[in-house]
PDB file of N, CA and C in Angstrom:
ATOM      1  N   MET A   1      -3.332   3.208  -2.824  1.00  0.00           N
ATOM      2  CA  MET A   1      -2.123   3.314  -3.611  1.00  0.00           C
ATOM      3  C   MET A   1      -1.667   4.768  -3.593  1.00  0.00           C
ATOM      4  N   ASP A   2      -0.392   4.931  -3.272  1.00  0.00           N
ATOM      5  CA  ASP A   2       0.135   6.310  -3.305  1.00  0.00           C
ATOM      6  C   ASP A   2       0.379   6.704  -4.733  1.00  0.00           C
ATOM      7  N   GLU A   3       0.823   7.949  -4.933  1.00  0.00           N
ATOM      8  CA  GLU A   3       0.896   8.438  -6.288  1.00  0.00           C
ATOM      9  C   GLU A   3       2.006   7.753  -7.106  1.00  0.00           C
ATOM     10  N   ASP A   4       2.966   7.095  -6.446  1.00  0.00           N
ATOM     11  CA  ASP A   4       3.977   6.313  -7.159  1.00  0.00           C
ATOM     12  C   ASP A   4       3.355   5.090  -7.837  1.00  0.00           C
ATOM     13  N   THR A   5       2.361   4.502  -7.241  1.00  0.00           N
ATOM     14  CA  THR A   5       1.794   3.297  -7.753  1.00  0.00           C
ATOM     15  C   THR A   5       0.415   3.478  -8.418  1.00  0.00           C
ATOM     16  N   ASP A   6       0.036   4.733  -8.630  1.00  0.00           N
ATOM     17  CA  ASP A   6      -1.281   5.075  -9.098  1.00  0.00           C
ATOM     18  C   ASP A   6      -1.433   4.754 -10.620  1.00  0.00           C
ATOM     19  N   ALA A   7      -1.581   3.454 -10.948  1.00  0.00           N
ATOM     20  CA  ALA A   7      -1.715   3.022 -12.313  1.00  0.00           C
ATOM     21  C   ALA A   7      -3.168   2.655 -12.518  1.00  0.00           C
ATOM     22  N   TYR A   8      -3.821   3.265 -13.465  1.00  0.00           N
ATOM     23  CA  TYR A   8      -5.215   3.000 -13.720  1.00  0.00           C
ATOM     24  C   TYR A   8      -5.440   1.500 -14.029  1.00  0.00           C
ATOM     25  N   ALA A   9      -4.598   0.893 -14.824  1.00  0.00           N
ATOM     26  CA  ALA A   9      -4.797  -0.501 -15.185  1.00  0.00           C
ATOM     27  C   ALA A   9      -4.766  -1.414 -13.980  1.00  0.00           C
ATOM     28  N   LEU A  10      -3.828  -1.153 -13.044  1.00  0.00           N
ATOM     29  CA  LEU A  10      -3.765  -1.947 -11.822  1.00  0.00           C
ATOM     30  C   LEU A  10      -4.987  -1.702 -10.913  1.00  0.00           C
ATOM     31  N   LEU A  11      -5.365  -0.453 -10.747  1.00  0.00           N
ATOM     32  CA  LEU A  11      -6.592  -0.152  -9.954  1.00  0.00           C
ATOM     33  C   LEU A  11      -7.791  -0.870 -10.544  1.00  0.00           C
ATOM     34  N   SER A  12      -7.950  -0.743 -11.819  1.00  0.00           N
ATOM     35  CA  SER A  12      -9.074  -1.399 -12.468  1.00  0.00           C
ATOM     36  C   SER A  12      -9.086  -2.897 -12.364  1.00  0.00           C
ATOM     37  N   ALA A  13      -7.918  -3.524 -12.519  1.00  0.00           N
ATOM     38  CA  ALA A  13      -7.840  -4.969 -12.425  1.00  0.00           C
ATOM     39  C   ALA A  13      -8.149  -5.439 -10.982  1.00  0.00           C
ATOM     40  N   LEU A  14      -7.650  -4.743 -10.006  1.00  0.00           N
ATOM     41  CA  LEU A  14      -7.902  -5.098  -8.612  1.00  0.00           C
ATOM     42  C   LEU A  14      -9.377  -4.951  -8.255  1.00  0.00           C
ATOM     43  N   ARG A  15      -9.967  -3.856  -8.701  1.00  0.00           N
ATOM     44  CA  ARG A  15     -11.414  -3.594  -8.455  1.00  0.00           C
ATOM     45  C   ARG A  15     -12.239  -4.697  -9.167  1.00  0.00           C
ATOM     46  N   HIS A  16     -11.917  -5.045 -10.345  1.00  0.00           N
ATOM     47  CA  HIS A  16     -12.613  -6.056 -11.098  1.00  0.00           C
ATOM     48  C   HIS A  16     -12.604  -7.368 -10.342  1.00  0.00           C
ATOM     49  N   ARG A  17     -11.583  -7.614  -9.512  1.00  0.00           N
ATOM     50  CA  ARG A  17     -11.443  -8.840  -8.742  1.00  0.00           C
ATOM     51  C   ARG A  17     -11.934  -8.698  -7.329  1.00  0.00           C
ATOM     52  N   GLY A  18     -12.654  -7.590  -7.053  1.00  0.00           N
ATOM     53  CA  GLY A  18     -13.345  -7.424  -5.798  1.00  0.00           C
ATOM     54  C   GLY A  18     -12.614  -6.688  -4.699  1.00  0.00           C
ATOM     55  N   LEU A  19     -11.414  -6.173  -4.941  1.00  0.00           N
ATOM     56  CA  LEU A  19     -10.677  -5.440  -3.895  1.00  0.00           C
ATOM     57  C   LEU A  19     -11.206  -3.986  -3.858  1.00  0.00           C
ATOM     58  N   ASP A  20     -11.322  -3.488  -2.625  1.00  0.00           N
ATOM     59  CA  ASP A  20     -11.713  -2.104  -2.371  1.00  0.00           C
ATOM     60  C   ASP A  20     -10.439  -1.271  -2.326  1.00  0.00           C
ATOM     61  N   VAL A  21     -10.068  -0.698  -3.462  1.00  0.00           N
ATOM     62  CA  VAL A  21      -8.845   0.075  -3.602  1.00  0.00           C
ATOM     63  C   VAL A  21      -9.172   1.495  -4.043  1.00  0.00           C
ATOM     64  N   THR A  22      -8.324   2.413  -3.647  1.00  0.00           N
ATOM     65  CA  THR A  22      -8.433   3.796  -4.074  1.00  0.00           C
ATOM     66  C   THR A  22      -7.009   4.276  -4.289  1.00  0.00           C
ATOM     67  N   SER A  23      -6.923   5.514  -4.767  1.00  0.00           N
ATOM     68  CA  SER A  23      -5.570   6.040  -5.019  1.00  0.00           C
ATOM     69  C   SER A  23      -5.455   7.437  -4.461  1.00  0.00           C
ATOM     70  N   SER A  24      -4.217   7.857  -4.354  1.00  0.00           N
ATOM     71  CA  SER A  24      -3.918   9.242  -3.858  1.00  0.00           C
ATOM     72  C   SER A  24      -4.644  10.277  -4.744  1.00  0.00           C
ATOM     73  N   GLY A  25      -4.571  10.043  -6.046  1.00  0.00           N
ATOM     74  CA  GLY A  25      -5.205  10.967  -6.968  1.00  0.00           C
ATOM     75  C   GLY A  25      -6.708  11.041  -6.808  1.00  0.00           C
ATOM     76  N   GLU A  26      -7.336   9.901  -6.665  1.00  0.00           N
ATOM     77  CA  GLU A  26      -8.793   9.875  -6.487  1.00  0.00           C
ATOM     78  C   GLU A  26      -9.223  10.559  -5.156  1.00  0.00           C
ATOM     79  N   GLN A  27      -8.340  10.522  -4.187  1.00  0.00           N
ATOM     80  CA  GLN A  27      -8.682  11.123  -2.875  1.00  0.00           C
ATOM     81  C   GLN A  27      -8.182  12.571  -2.741  1.00  0.00           C
ATOM     82  N   GLY A  28      -7.604  13.120  -3.777  1.00  0.00           N
ATOM     83  CA  GLY A  28      -7.138  14.495  -3.725  1.00  0.00           C
ATOM     84  C   GLY A  28      -5.873  14.654  -2.892  1.00  0.00           C
ATOM     85  N   LEU A  29      -5.069  13.608  -2.812  1.00  0.00           N
ATOM     86  CA  LEU A  29      -3.875  13.619  -1.981  1.00  0.00           C
ATOM     87  C   LEU A  29      -2.587  13.872  -2.790  1.00  0.00           C
ATOM     88  N   TRP A  30      -2.724  14.270  -4.054  1.00  0.00           N
ATOM     89  CA  TRP A  30      -1.522  14.594  -4.836  1.00  0.00           C
ATOM     90  C   TRP A  30      -0.733  15.668  -4.073  1.00  0.00           C
ATOM     91  N   GLN A  31       0.538  15.566  -4.170  1.00  0.00           N
ATOM     92  CA  GLN A  31       1.446  16.520  -3.486  1.00  0.00           C
ATOM     93  C   GLN A  31       1.501  16.464  -1.956  1.00  0.00           C
ATOM     94  N   CYS A  32       0.743  15.487  -1.370  1.00  0.00           N
ATOM     95  CA  CYS A  32       0.868  15.279   0.071  1.00  0.00           C
ATOM     96  C   CYS A  32       2.150  14.497   0.340  1.00  0.00           C
ATOM     97  N   THR A  33       2.720  14.699   1.492  1.00  0.00           N
ATOM     98  CA  THR A  33       3.889  13.960   1.892  1.00  0.00           C
ATOM     99  C   THR A  33       3.541  12.508   2.125  1.00  0.00           C
ATOM    100  N   ASP A  34       4.514  11.657   2.164  1.00  0.00           N
ATOM    101  CA  ASP A  34       4.303  10.207   2.497  1.00  0.00           C
ATOM    102  C   ASP A  34       3.682  10.110   3.858  1.00  0.00           C
ATOM    103  N   ARG A  35       4.151  10.894   4.771  1.00  0.00           N
ATOM    104  CA  ARG A  35       3.601  10.858   6.163  1.00  0.00           C
ATOM    105  C   ARG A  35       2.097  11.196   6.123  1.00  0.00           C
ATOM    106  N   GLU A  36       1.730  12.232   5.398  1.00  0.00           N
ATOM    107  CA  GLU A  36       0.298  12.619   5.287  1.00  0.00           C
ATOM    108  C   GLU A  36      -0.505  11.537   4.619  1.00  0.00           C
ATOM    109  N   GLN A  37       0.050  10.884   3.608  1.00  0.00           N
ATOM    110  CA  GLN A  37      -0.696   9.831   2.976  1.00  0.00           C
ATOM    111  C   GLN A  37      -0.863   8.606   3.901  1.00  0.00           C
ATOM    112  N   LEU A  38       0.163   8.297   4.671  1.00  0.00           N
ATOM    113  CA  LEU A  38       0.058   7.181   5.620  1.00  0.00           C
ATOM    114  C   LEU A  38      -0.959   7.568   6.736  1.00  0.00           C
ATOM    115  N   GLN A  39      -0.949   8.769   7.176  1.00  0.00           N
ATOM    116  CA  GLN A  39      -1.936   9.201   8.163  1.00  0.00           C
ATOM    117  C   GLN A  39      -3.364   9.107   7.624  1.00  0.00           C
ATOM    118  N   TRP A  40      -3.556   9.538   6.389  1.00  0.00           N
ATOM    119  CA  TRP A  40      -4.881   9.416   5.766  1.00  0.00           C
ATOM    120  C   TRP A  40      -5.320   7.986   5.694  1.00  0.00           C
ATOM    121  N   ALA A  41      -4.418   7.105   5.202  1.00  0.00           N
ATOM    122  CA  ALA A  41      -4.747   5.703   5.072  1.00  0.00           C
ATOM    123  C   ALA A  41      -5.082   5.075   6.406  1.00  0.00           C
ATOM    124  N   THR A  42      -4.320   5.457   7.427  1.00  0.00           N
ATOM    125  CA  THR A  42      -4.568   4.908   8.792  1.00  0.00           C
ATOM    126  C   THR A  42      -5.954   5.373   9.310  1.00  0.00           C
ATOM    127  N   LYS A  43      -6.231   6.657   9.119  1.00  0.00           N
ATOM    128  CA  LYS A  43      -7.551   7.179   9.505  1.00  0.00           C
ATOM    129  C   LYS A  43      -8.702   6.509   8.817  1.00  0.00           C
ATOM    130  N   GLU A  44      -8.515   6.147   7.558  1.00  0.00           N
ATOM    131  CA  GLU A  44      -9.523   5.498   6.744  1.00  0.00           C
ATOM    132  C   GLU A  44      -9.571   3.953   6.899  1.00  0.00           C
ATOM    133  N   GLY A  45      -8.603   3.390   7.715  1.00  0.00           N
ATOM    134  CA  GLY A  45      -8.539   1.953   7.916  1.00  0.00           C
ATOM    135  C   GLY A  45      -8.006   1.200   6.729  1.00  0.00           C
ATOM    136  N   ARG A  46      -7.098   1.808   5.962  1.00  0.00           N
ATOM    137  CA  ARG A  46      -6.599   1.197   4.731  1.00  0.00           C
ATOM    138  C   ARG A  46      -5.067   1.022   4.799  1.00  0.00           C
ATOM    139  N   SER A  47      -4.602  -0.065   4.238  1.00  0.00           N
ATOM    140  CA  SER A  47      -3.177  -0.238   4.052  1.00  0.00           C
ATOM    141  C   SER A  47      -2.766   0.633   2.887  1.00  0.00           C
ATOM    142  N   ILE A  48      -1.493   0.996   2.831  1.00  0.00           N
ATOM    143  CA  ILE A  48      -0.998   1.853   1.747  1.00  0.00           C
ATOM    144  C   ILE A  48       0.006   0.995   0.949  1.00  0.00           C
ATOM    145  N   TYR A  49      -0.038   1.199  -0.398  1.00  0.00           N
ATOM    146  CA  TYR A  49       0.871   0.509  -1.307  1.00  0.00           C
ATOM    147  C   TYR A  49       1.720   1.541  -2.016  1.00  0.00           C
ATOM    148  N   SER A  50       3.030   1.327  -1.973  1.00  0.00           N
ATOM    149  CA  SER A  50       3.962   2.304  -2.530  1.00  0.00           C
ATOM    150  C   SER A  50       5.187   1.570  -3.118  1.00  0.00           C
ATOM    151  N   TYR A  51       5.903   2.258  -3.991  1.00  0.00           N
ATOM    152  CA  TYR A  51       7.207   1.824  -4.447  1.00  0.00           C
ATOM    153  C   TYR A  51       8.324   2.481  -3.627  1.00  0.00           C
ATOM    154  N   ASN A  52       7.976   3.429  -2.835  1.00  0.00           N
ATOM    155  CA  ASN A  52       8.946   4.280  -2.121  1.00  0.00           C
ATOM    156  C   ASN A  52       9.462   3.536  -0.864  1.00  0.00           C
ATOM    157  N   VAL A  53      10.436   2.663  -1.081  1.00  0.00           N
ATOM    158  CA  VAL A  53      10.960   1.830  -0.001  1.00  0.00           C
ATOM    159  C   VAL A  53      11.526   2.613   1.116  1.00  0.00           C
ATOM    160  N   SER A  54      12.439   3.524   0.853  1.00  0.00           N
ATOM    161  CA  SER A  54      13.154   4.208   1.939  1.00  0.00           C
ATOM    162  C   SER A  54      12.237   5.018   2.821  1.00  0.00           C
ATOM    163  N   ASP A  55      11.387   5.808   2.176  1.00  0.00           N
ATOM    164  CA  ASP A  55      10.471   6.685   3.064  1.00  0.00           C
ATOM    165  C   ASP A  55       9.501   5.789   3.875  1.00  0.00           C
ATOM    166  N   PHE A  56       8.908   4.822   3.246  1.00  0.00           N
ATOM    167  CA  PHE A  56       7.873   4.055   4.006  1.00  0.00           C
ATOM    168  C   PHE A  56       8.496   3.092   5.008  1.00  0.00           C
ATOM    169  N   CYS A  57       9.715   2.617   4.779  1.00  0.00           N
ATOM    170  CA  CYS A  57      10.395   1.834   5.829  1.00  0.00           C
ATOM    171  C   CYS A  57      10.705   2.722   7.005  1.00  0.00           C
ATOM    172  N   ARG A  58      11.165   3.912   6.727  1.00  0.00           N
ATOM    173  CA  ARG A  58      11.483   4.897   7.796  1.00  0.00           C
ATOM    174  C   ARG A  58      10.173   5.276   8.538  1.00  0.00           C
ATOM    175  N   LEU A  59       9.127   5.549   7.778  1.00  0.00           N
ATOM    176  CA  LEU A  59       7.830   5.899   8.461  1.00  0.00           C
ATOM    177  C   LEU A  59       7.277   4.757   9.307  1.00  0.00           C
ATOM    178  N   HIS A  60       7.427   3.544   8.819  1.00  0.00           N
ATOM    179  CA  HIS A  60       6.975   2.383   9.571  1.00  0.00           C
ATOM    180  C   HIS A  60       7.709   2.328  10.940  1.00  0.00           C
ATOM    181  N   SER A  61       9.007   2.437  10.899  1.00  0.00           N
ATOM    182  CA  SER A  61       9.807   2.380  12.143  1.00  0.00           C
ATOM    183  C   SER A  61       9.456   3.542  13.042  1.00  0.00           C
ATOM    184  N   ALA A  62       9.408   4.738  12.510  1.00  0.00           N
ATOM    185  CA  ALA A  62       9.145   5.934  13.340  1.00  0.00           C
ATOM    186  C   ALA A  62       7.722   5.841  13.980  1.00  0.00           C
ATOM    187  N   THR A  63       6.765   5.421  13.190  1.00  0.00           N
ATOM    188  CA  THR A  63       5.391   5.283  13.725  1.00  0.00           C
ATOM    189  C   THR A  63       5.328   4.365  14.897  1.00  0.00           C
ATOM    190  N   LEU A  64       5.952   3.194  14.778  1.00  0.00           N
ATOM    191  CA  LEU A  64       5.931   2.241  15.878  1.00  0.00           C
ATOM    192  C   LEU A  64       6.763   2.733  17.072  1.00  0.00           C
ATOM    193  N   GLN A  65       7.876   3.325  16.824  1.00  0.00           N
ATOM    194  CA  GLN A  65       8.730   3.878  17.910  1.00  0.00           C
ATOM    195  C   GLN A  65       8.013   4.933  18.704  1.00  0.00           C
ATOM    196  N   GLN A  66       7.138   5.683  18.058  1.00  0.00           N
ATOM    197  CA  GLN A  66       6.399   6.742  18.704  1.00  0.00           C
ATOM    198  C   GLN A  66       5.101   6.204  19.400  1.00  0.00           C
ATOM    199  N   GLY A  67       4.936   4.902  19.376  1.00  0.00           N
ATOM    200  CA  GLY A  67       3.759   4.314  19.996  1.00  0.00           C
ATOM    201  C   GLY A  67       2.478   4.495  19.250  1.00  0.00           C
ATOM    202  N   ARG A  68       2.618   4.825  17.978  1.00  0.00           N
ATOM    203  CA  ARG A  68       1.432   4.994  17.129  1.00  0.00           C
ATOM    204  C   ARG A  68       1.283   3.736  16.259  1.00  0.00           C
ATOM    205  N   HIS A  69       0.251   3.714  15.453  1.00  0.00           N
ATOM    206  CA  HIS A  69      -0.072   2.539  14.637  1.00  0.00           C
ATOM    207  C   HIS A  69      -0.415   2.958  13.217  1.00  0.00           C
ATOM    208  N   HIS A  70      -0.321   2.008  12.314  1.00  0.00           N
ATOM    209  CA  HIS A  70      -0.820   2.141  10.937  1.00  0.00           C
ATOM    210  C   HIS A  70      -1.541   0.852  10.575  1.00  0.00           C
ATOM    211  N   VAL A  71      -2.171   0.844   9.454  1.00  0.00           N
ATOM    212  CA  VAL A  71      -2.992  -0.290   9.036  1.00  0.00           C
ATOM    213  C   VAL A  71      -2.301  -1.153   7.973  1.00  0.00           C
ATOM    214  N   GLY A  72      -1.036  -1.005   7.860  1.00  0.00           N
ATOM    215  CA  GLY A  72      -0.252  -1.789   6.960  1.00  0.00           C
ATOM    216  C   GLY A  72       0.387  -1.023   5.835  1.00  0.00           C
ATOM    217  N   ILE A  73       1.623  -1.334   5.550  1.00  0.00           N
ATOM    218  CA  ILE A  73       2.371  -0.716   4.445  1.00  0.00           C
ATOM    219  C   ILE A  73       2.854  -1.863   3.534  1.00  0.00           C
ATOM    220  N   ILE A  74       2.559  -1.721   2.233  1.00  0.00           N
ATOM    221  CA  ILE A  74       2.962  -2.703   1.274  1.00  0.00           C
ATOM    222  C   ILE A  74       3.929  -2.026   0.308  1.00  0.00           C
ATOM    223  N   ILE A  75       5.101  -2.593   0.153  1.00  0.00           N
ATOM    224  CA  ILE A  75       6.120  -2.020  -0.748  1.00  0.00           C
ATOM    225  C   ILE A  75       6.244  -2.882  -1.984  1.00  0.00           C
ATOM    226  N   GLY A  76       6.064  -2.265  -3.132  1.00  0.00           N
ATOM    227  CA  GLY A  76       6.208  -2.944  -4.429  1.00  0.00           C
ATOM    228  C   GLY A  76       7.541  -2.596  -5.088  1.00  0.00           C
ATOM    229  N   ASP A  77       7.771  -3.228  -6.235  1.00  0.00           N
ATOM    230  CA  ASP A  77       9.007  -2.989  -6.965  1.00  0.00           C
ATOM    231  C   ASP A  77       8.656  -2.782  -8.430  1.00  0.00           C
ATOM    232  N   GLN A  78       8.543  -1.538  -8.856  1.00  0.00           N
ATOM    233  CA  GLN A  78       8.113  -1.218 -10.206  1.00  0.00           C
ATOM    234  C   GLN A  78       9.174  -1.592 -11.268  1.00  0.00           C
ATOM    235  N   GLN A  79      10.412  -1.804 -10.844  1.00  0.00           N
ATOM    236  CA  GLN A  79      11.482  -2.125 -11.808  1.00  0.00           C
ATOM    237  C   GLN A  79      11.414  -3.532 -12.329  1.00  0.00           C
ATOM    238  N   THR A  80      10.924  -4.489 -11.496  1.00  0.00           N
ATOM    239  CA  THR A  80      11.000  -5.896 -11.936  1.00  0.00           C
ATOM    240  C   THR A  80       9.646  -6.578 -12.022  1.00  0.00           C
ATOM    241  N   THR A  81       8.565  -5.823 -11.780  1.00  0.00           N
ATOM    242  CA  THR A  81       7.293  -6.483 -11.714  1.00  0.00           C
ATOM    243  C   THR A  81       6.293  -5.850 -12.739  1.00  0.00           C
ATOM    244  N   SER A  82       5.672  -6.669 -13.548  1.00  0.00           N
ATOM    245  CA  SER A  82       4.662  -6.209 -14.461  1.00  0.00           C
ATOM    246  C   SER A  82       3.378  -5.907 -13.695  1.00  0.00           C
ATOM    247  N   ILE A  83       2.456  -5.177 -14.316  1.00  0.00           N
ATOM    248  CA  ILE A  83       1.193  -4.913 -13.659  1.00  0.00           C
ATOM    249  C   ILE A  83       0.436  -6.206 -13.358  1.00  0.00           C
ATOM    250  N   GLY A  84       0.464  -7.140 -14.299  1.00  0.00           N
ATOM    251  CA  GLY A  84      -0.213  -8.413 -14.039  1.00  0.00           C
ATOM    252  C   GLY A  84       0.397  -9.153 -12.862  1.00  0.00           C
ATOM    253  N   GLU A  85       1.711  -9.150 -12.756  1.00  0.00           N
ATOM    254  CA  GLU A  85       2.357  -9.791 -11.592  1.00  0.00           C
ATOM    255  C   GLU A  85       2.077  -9.050 -10.311  1.00  0.00           C
ATOM    256  N   GLU A  86       2.083  -7.731 -10.363  1.00  0.00           N
ATOM    257  CA  GLU A  86       1.695  -6.942  -9.164  1.00  0.00           C
ATOM    258  C   GLU A  86       0.311  -7.310  -8.691  1.00  0.00           C
ATOM    259  N   MET A  87      -0.613  -7.396  -9.643  1.00  0.00           N
ATOM    260  CA  MET A  87      -2.004  -7.731  -9.276  1.00  0.00           C
ATOM    261  C   MET A  87      -2.062  -9.117  -8.648  1.00  0.00           C
ATOM    262  N   ARG A  88      -1.391 -10.092  -9.232  1.00  0.00           N
ATOM    263  CA  ARG A  88      -1.434 -11.441  -8.673  1.00  0.00           C
ATOM    264  C   ARG A  88      -0.882 -11.466  -7.231  1.00  0.00           C
ATOM    265  N   ARG A  89       0.224 -10.766  -7.057  1.00  0.00           N
ATOM    266  CA  ARG A  89       0.829 -10.740  -5.671  1.00  0.00           C
ATOM    267  C   ARG A  89      -0.012  -9.982  -4.687  1.00  0.00           C
ATOM    268  N   LEU A  90      -0.629  -8.888  -5.101  1.00  0.00           N
ATOM    269  CA  LEU A  90      -1.505  -8.134  -4.176  1.00  0.00           C
ATOM    270  C   LEU A  90      -2.736  -8.983  -3.837  1.00  0.00           C
ATOM    271  N   LEU A  91      -3.258  -9.703  -4.802  1.00  0.00           N
ATOM    272  CA  LEU A  91      -4.419 -10.628  -4.545  1.00  0.00           C
ATOM    273  C   LEU A  91      -4.007 -11.720  -3.598  1.00  0.00           C
ATOM    274  N   LYS A  92      -2.853 -12.270  -3.748  1.00  0.00           N
ATOM    275  CA  LYS A  92      -2.340 -13.327  -2.866  1.00  0.00           C
ATOM    276  C   LYS A  92      -2.181 -12.797  -1.466  1.00  0.00           C
ATOM    277  N   LEU A  93      -1.596 -11.606  -1.331  1.00  0.00           N
ATOM    278  CA  LEU A  93      -1.435 -10.973  -0.003  1.00  0.00           C
ATOM    279  C   LEU A  93      -2.795 -10.685   0.647  1.00  0.00           C
ATOM    280  N   SER A  94      -3.772 -10.183  -0.155  1.00  0.00           N
ATOM    281  CA  SER A  94      -5.084  -9.847   0.398  1.00  0.00           C
ATOM    282  C   SER A  94      -5.829 -11.095   0.854  1.00  0.00           C
ATOM    283  N   GLU A  95      -5.579 -12.220   0.210  1.00  0.00           N
ATOM    284  CA  GLU A  95      -6.205 -13.476   0.603  1.00  0.00           C
ATOM    285  C   GLU A  95      -5.566 -14.031   1.912  1.00  0.00           C
ATOM    286  N   ALA A  96      -4.281 -13.752   2.073  1.00  0.00           N
ATOM    287  CA  ALA A  96      -3.549 -14.336   3.201  1.00  0.00           C
ATOM    288  C   ALA A  96      -3.670 -13.481   4.474  1.00  0.00           C
ATOM    289  N   ARG A  97      -3.789 -12.195   4.338  1.00  0.00           N
ATOM    290  CA  ARG A  97      -3.766 -11.301   5.498  1.00  0.00           C
ATOM    291  C   ARG A  97      -5.060 -10.448   5.509  1.00  0.00           C
ATOM    292  N   ASN A  98      -5.823 -10.542   6.607  1.00  0.00           N
ATOM    293  CA  ASN A  98      -7.002  -9.664   6.743  1.00  0.00           C
ATOM    294  C   ASN A  98      -6.529  -8.337   7.340  1.00  0.00           C
ATOM    295  N   ALA A  99      -7.453  -7.421   7.485  1.00  0.00           N
ATOM    296  CA  ALA A  99      -7.155  -6.069   7.970  1.00  0.00           C
ATOM    297  C   ALA A  99      -6.475  -6.088   9.328  1.00  0.00           C
ATOM    298  N   GLU A 100      -6.948  -6.917  10.209  1.00  0.00           N
ATOM    299  CA  GLU A 100      -6.368  -6.976  11.544  1.00  0.00           C
ATOM    300  C   GLU A 100      -4.915  -7.508  11.478  1.00  0.00           C
ATOM    301  N   GLU A 101      -4.700  -8.454  10.625  1.00  0.00           N
ATOM    302  CA  GLU A 101      -3.344  -9.042  10.467  1.00  0.00           C
ATOM    303  C   GLU A 101      -2.384  -8.069   9.829  1.00  0.00           C
ATOM    304  N   MET A 102      -2.883  -7.065   9.110  1.00  0.00           N
ATOM    305  CA  MET A 102      -2.004  -6.109   8.415  1.00  0.00           C
ATOM    306  C   MET A 102      -1.605  -5.016   9.376  1.00  0.00           C
ATOM    307  N   LYS A 103      -2.309  -4.849  10.474  1.00  0.00           N
ATOM    308  CA  LYS A 103      -2.005  -3.735  11.414  1.00  0.00           C
ATOM    309  C   LYS A 103      -0.510  -3.746  11.784  1.00  0.00           C
ATOM    310  N   ASP A 104       0.119  -2.595  11.575  1.00  0.00           N
ATOM    311  CA  ASP A 104       1.519  -2.359  11.897  1.00  0.00           C
ATOM    312  C   ASP A 104       2.511  -3.257  11.132  1.00  0.00           C
ATOM    313  N   ARG A 105       2.099  -3.871  10.057  1.00  0.00           N
ATOM    314  CA  ARG A 105       2.938  -4.733   9.233  1.00  0.00           C
ATOM    315  C   ARG A 105       3.565  -3.930   8.099  1.00  0.00           C
ATOM    316  N   LEU A 106       4.794  -4.324   7.781  1.00  0.00           N
ATOM    317  CA  LEU A 106       5.471  -3.840   6.597  1.00  0.00           C
ATOM    318  C   LEU A 106       5.686  -5.076   5.724  1.00  0.00           C
ATOM    319  N   GLU A 107       5.007  -5.090   4.609  1.00  0.00           N
ATOM    320  CA  GLU A 107       5.069  -6.256   3.689  1.00  0.00           C
ATOM    321  C   GLU A 107       5.764  -5.842   2.394  1.00  0.00           C
ATOM    322  N   PHE A 108       6.650  -6.678   1.946  1.00  0.00           N
ATOM    323  CA  PHE A 108       7.301  -6.478   0.621  1.00  0.00           C
ATOM    324  C   PHE A 108       6.640  -7.389  -0.356  1.00  0.00           C
ATOM    325  N   LEU A 109       6.102  -6.810  -1.429  1.00  0.00           N
ATOM    326  CA  LEU A 109       5.340  -7.581  -2.398  1.00  0.00           C
ATOM    327  C   LEU A 109       6.173  -8.667  -3.048  1.00  0.00           C
ATOM    328  N   ASN A 110       7.473  -8.482  -3.121  1.00  0.00           N
ATOM    329  CA  ASN A 110       8.322  -9.545  -3.727  1.00  0.00           C
ATOM    330  C   ASN A 110       8.291 -10.817  -2.950  1.00  0.00           C
ATOM    331  N   ASN A 111       7.848 -10.781  -1.687  1.00  0.00           N
ATOM    332  CA  ASN A 111       7.758 -11.991  -0.821  1.00  0.00           C
ATOM    333  C   ASN A 111       6.468 -12.781  -1.134  1.00  0.00           C
ATOM    334  N   TRP A 112       5.642 -12.287  -2.030  1.00  0.00           N
ATOM    335  CA  TRP A 112       4.306 -12.872  -2.322  1.00  0.00           C
ATOM    336  C   TRP A 112       4.282 -13.403  -3.777  1.00  0.00           C
ATOM    337  N   ARG A 113       5.273 -14.164  -4.140  1.00  0.00           N
ATOM    338  CA  ARG A 113       5.372 -14.726  -5.475  1.00  0.00           C
ATOM    339  C   ARG A 113       4.513 -15.949  -5.640  1.00  0.00           C
TER     340      ARG A 113
END
């Protein structure tokens, strides 16, 4: 979870349900650029979850155009989704897509209702 989505309640709920999640803050990545956070997540074999639609859509396209890869980008919508609904959608996505299937994918959490 990047710093936009770094909500303790959501992290705790996801961990309680068995997901291996971490946050930018826990990893000391505060103040890192979105590119740096995506690079860290890729190096660690993790998908990244953010509300920052424009930057991560751009990074997704640029990464693939440059012949590089990432391990998945998930875009949430903090304006219309409660933490409980975010958790349910993230769990649904994690059950439907394994790590290999997330490679180079851009997923919008609103599609996982």
